[in-house]
Protein backbone atom coordinates (compact mmCIF):
# COMPACT_ATOMS: atom_id res chain seq x y z
CA UNK A 1 18.59 185.40 79.73
CA UNK A 2 16.42 185.46 82.93
CA UNK A 3 18.34 185.83 86.30
CA UNK A 4 16.57 184.75 89.39
CA UNK A 5 17.87 185.63 93.01
CA UNK A 6 17.62 183.37 95.90
CA UNK A 7 17.99 184.94 99.15
CA UNK A 8 18.84 182.75 102.01
CA UNK A 9 18.68 184.06 105.67
CA UNK A 10 20.44 181.84 108.22
CA UNK A 11 19.25 182.37 111.76
CA UNK A 12 21.25 181.42 114.88
CA UNK A 13 18.55 178.86 115.63
CA UNK A 14 19.37 176.98 112.42
CA UNK A 15 16.24 177.89 110.66
CA UNK A 16 16.59 178.92 107.09
CA UNK A 17 14.18 181.48 105.35
CA UNK A 18 14.31 181.27 101.65
CA UNK A 19 12.75 183.96 99.33
CA UNK A 20 12.86 183.52 95.61
CA UNK A 21 12.83 186.38 93.11
CA UNK A 22 11.72 186.16 89.50
CA UNK A 23 8.88 184.52 87.47
CA UNK A 24 8.48 180.70 87.44
CA UNK A 25 10.38 178.11 89.36
CA UNK A 26 14.16 177.56 89.34
CA UNK A 27 15.27 175.22 86.60
CA UNK A 28 18.54 174.22 84.76
CA UNK A 29 18.16 176.97 82.07
CA UNK A 30 18.12 179.76 84.68
CA UNK A 31 21.17 181.24 86.17
CA UNK A 32 20.85 181.69 89.84
CA UNK A 33 22.60 183.86 92.41
CA UNK A 34 22.56 182.88 95.96
CA UNK A 35 22.92 185.54 98.54
CA UNK A 36 23.58 184.39 102.16
CA UNK A 37 22.57 186.73 104.86
CA UNK A 38 23.57 185.68 108.32
CA UNK A 39 21.23 187.15 111.01
CA UNK A 40 21.26 186.80 114.68
CA UNK A 41 17.85 186.95 116.35
CA UNK A 42 17.56 189.42 119.34
CA UNK A 43 16.80 187.60 122.62
CA UNK A 44 13.94 189.13 124.51
CA UNK A 45 14.51 190.33 127.96
CA UNK A 46 13.67 187.98 130.74
CA UNK A 47 10.69 188.63 132.89
CA UNK A 48 13.06 189.28 136.02
CA UNK A 49 14.69 192.25 134.06
CA UNK A 50 11.38 193.65 132.91
CA UNK A 51 10.12 193.48 136.52
CA UNK A 52 12.87 195.96 137.67
CA UNK A 53 11.68 199.56 138.25
CA UNK A 54 13.50 202.78 138.68
CA UNK A 55 14.57 203.32 142.35
CA UNK A 56 15.13 207.12 143.25
CA UNK A 57 17.23 206.05 146.26
CA UNK A 58 20.91 205.39 145.53
CA UNK A 59 21.07 203.03 148.67
CA UNK A 60 18.24 201.01 147.40
CA UNK A 61 19.59 200.70 143.83
CA UNK A 62 22.96 199.53 145.19
CA UNK A 63 21.45 197.05 147.61
CA UNK A 64 19.35 195.57 144.81
CA UNK A 65 22.38 195.31 142.55
CA UNK A 66 24.48 193.67 145.35
CA UNK A 67 21.73 191.09 145.95
CA UNK A 68 21.71 190.14 142.31
CA UNK A 69 25.49 189.96 141.91
CA UNK A 70 25.81 188.05 145.30
CA UNK A 71 23.36 185.34 143.92
CA UNK A 72 25.40 184.98 140.77
CA UNK A 73 28.62 184.26 142.76
CA UNK A 74 26.93 182.14 145.39
CA UNK A 75 25.21 179.92 142.84
CA UNK A 76 28.50 179.01 141.31
CA UNK A 77 30.48 178.96 144.61
CA UNK A 78 28.00 176.62 146.47
CA UNK A 79 29.42 173.91 144.18
CA UNK A 80 32.52 174.22 146.08
CA UNK A 81 30.63 174.52 149.44
CA UNK A 82 31.79 178.17 150.01
CA UNK A 83 30.20 181.53 150.16
CA UNK A 84 31.40 184.61 148.38
CA UNK A 85 32.28 186.43 151.65
CA UNK A 86 34.38 183.34 152.81
CA UNK A 87 36.03 183.33 149.33
CA UNK A 88 37.00 187.04 149.65
CA UNK A 89 38.41 186.58 153.02
CA UNK A 90 40.54 183.41 151.95
CA UNK A 91 41.68 185.43 148.89
CA UNK A 92 42.64 188.38 151.06
CA UNK A 93 44.63 186.04 153.55
CA UNK A 94 46.37 184.48 150.58
CA UNK A 95 47.45 187.75 149.21
CA UNK A 96 48.68 189.26 152.56
CA UNK A 97 50.08 186.05 154.02
CA UNK A 98 48.34 186.93 157.36
CA UNK A 99 46.34 189.95 158.84
CA UNK A 100 44.64 191.10 161.85
CA UNK A 101 40.79 191.13 162.18
CA UNK A 102 40.93 194.91 162.35
CA UNK A 103 42.70 195.15 159.03
CA UNK A 104 40.13 192.68 157.48
CA UNK A 105 37.22 194.79 158.91
CA UNK A 106 38.70 197.95 157.52
CA UNK A 107 39.58 196.33 154.11
CA UNK A 108 36.30 194.84 153.54
CA UNK A 109 34.11 197.54 155.40
CA UNK A 110 32.62 194.76 157.49
CA UNK A 111 31.39 195.41 161.04
CA UNK A 112 33.35 193.54 163.55
CA UNK A 113 30.55 191.35 164.79
CA UNK A 114 29.71 190.02 161.47
CA UNK A 115 33.31 189.43 160.61
CA UNK A 116 33.85 187.65 163.90
CA UNK A 117 31.07 185.21 163.06
CA UNK A 118 32.30 184.46 159.62
CA UNK A 119 35.92 183.87 160.75
CA UNK A 120 34.76 181.69 163.54
CA UNK A 121 32.94 179.44 161.06
CA UNK A 122 35.97 179.42 158.77
CA UNK A 123 38.16 178.37 161.88
CA UNK A 124 35.78 175.43 162.53
CA UNK A 125 36.03 174.25 159.04
CA UNK A 126 39.93 174.15 159.32
CA UNK A 127 40.48 176.86 156.68
CA UNK A 128 42.16 179.66 158.74
CA UNK A 129 44.01 179.75 161.91
CA UNK A 130 44.70 182.60 164.34
CA UNK A 131 47.91 183.27 166.35
CA UNK A 132 48.48 186.01 168.86
CA UNK A 133 50.08 189.19 167.41
CA UNK A 134 52.59 191.61 168.92
CA UNK A 135 49.61 193.16 170.71
CA UNK A 136 48.09 190.51 173.15
CA UNK A 137 44.61 191.88 172.32
CA UNK A 138 44.70 191.16 168.66
CA UNK A 139 45.06 187.98 166.54
CA UNK A 140 46.64 187.41 163.19
CA UNK A 141 44.58 185.21 160.82
CA UNK A 142 46.48 183.03 158.33
CA UNK A 143 45.50 180.37 155.71
CA UNK A 144 46.01 176.72 156.68
CA UNK A 145 46.78 173.97 154.21
CA UNK A 146 43.11 173.14 154.05
CA UNK A 147 42.16 176.66 153.43
CA UNK A 148 44.64 176.85 150.42
CA UNK A 149 43.03 173.68 148.95
CA UNK A 150 39.61 175.10 149.49
CA UNK A 151 40.60 178.37 147.73
CA UNK A 152 41.99 176.27 144.73
CA UNK A 153 38.89 174.40 144.71
CA UNK A 154 36.51 177.18 144.46
CA UNK A 155 38.67 179.43 142.07
CA UNK A 156 37.12 177.79 138.91
CA UNK A 157 33.73 178.33 140.06
CA UNK A 158 34.52 182.08 140.99
CA UNK A 159 35.95 182.29 137.53
CA UNK A 160 32.66 181.09 135.90
CA UNK A 161 30.65 183.74 137.99
CA UNK A 162 32.96 186.45 137.01
CA UNK A 163 32.74 185.39 133.40
CA UNK A 164 28.93 185.46 133.47
CA UNK A 165 28.77 188.96 134.70
CA UNK A 166 31.54 190.17 132.53
CA UNK A 167 30.08 188.75 129.30
CA UNK A 168 26.63 190.63 130.00
CA UNK A 169 28.61 193.84 130.57
CA UNK A 170 30.97 193.63 127.68
CA UNK A 171 34.59 194.58 128.09
CA UNK A 172 33.83 198.39 127.98
CA UNK A 173 31.07 198.06 130.50
CA UNK A 174 33.25 195.98 132.79
CA UNK A 175 35.92 198.54 132.83
CA UNK A 176 33.36 201.27 133.59
CA UNK A 177 31.84 199.34 136.29
CA UNK A 178 35.24 198.68 138.05
CA UNK A 179 36.03 202.44 137.85
CA UNK A 180 32.45 203.49 139.07
CA UNK A 181 32.56 201.09 141.98
CA UNK A 182 36.03 202.24 143.09
CA UNK A 183 34.96 205.98 142.94
CA UNK A 184 31.67 205.35 144.59
CA UNK A 185 33.15 203.09 147.47
CA UNK A 186 35.73 206.02 148.23
CA UNK A 187 33.07 208.77 147.93
CA UNK A 188 30.70 206.78 150.18
CA UNK A 189 33.50 206.16 152.75
CA UNK A 190 34.41 209.95 152.98
CA UNK A 191 30.65 210.71 153.22
CA UNK A 192 30.43 208.26 156.12
CA UNK A 193 33.22 209.97 157.95
CA UNK A 194 31.40 213.35 157.88
CA UNK A 195 28.37 211.61 159.87
CA UNK A 196 27.91 213.27 163.26
CA UNK A 197 27.84 210.87 166.18
CA UNK A 198 24.48 210.24 167.78
C-alpha cells in the first residue's frame, strides 16, 4: 500500500502552500495523510524603525523616544480635540480634586511659564477654574463640569493610544518600561538637584 503525504501550510494572509510527497498523483486508491502546519509570517520592520540609529547621549535618546510616544498619544487624542499634556492635567485634577499651580509644576516637572500658558488655554475652553487659596498669592485649580465631560470624551482615545504602545512592548516589556522610567525620573531629579547654580 502506498502512502502519500500532503503538507498544507496555512499563512496568516490566507495563502495555502501545498506540497505533495510520493510518486504519481493522488487518487482514490491511495491513503492520504494531511498535515496542517499553521505559520505566521514575520512582518518586516517599517522604514521609520530602520532609519533609527544609535545615540550615545542619554538626553537625545530620551528626547527622541518622547517625541515618538507623544505623537502616538496626540494622534489619538486629537480626535477628542485635546493634547496629551492637557489630558494629563485634567487627569491630575480629577484625582486630586483641586491643586495649586506650584504642585502641578512639581508633579509634572514642568516649568512655570509653560504650565501657565497651558492652564490659561484650558481655562478659556472652560475645562478648569481657578479660585484663591489660603495664600492670596496662589490659586487652586479645579475641574469644571465641562472639564469632566472632556476627560470622559478623551478617555477612550487615550486607552487606544496606550494599547497601541502596550501591544508593541508586550506585558513583560510594559512592566519593565514602567519600572525603568520611574527609576530614571527619580535618578534624574536627584542629579538635577546636584547642579551648581550659574
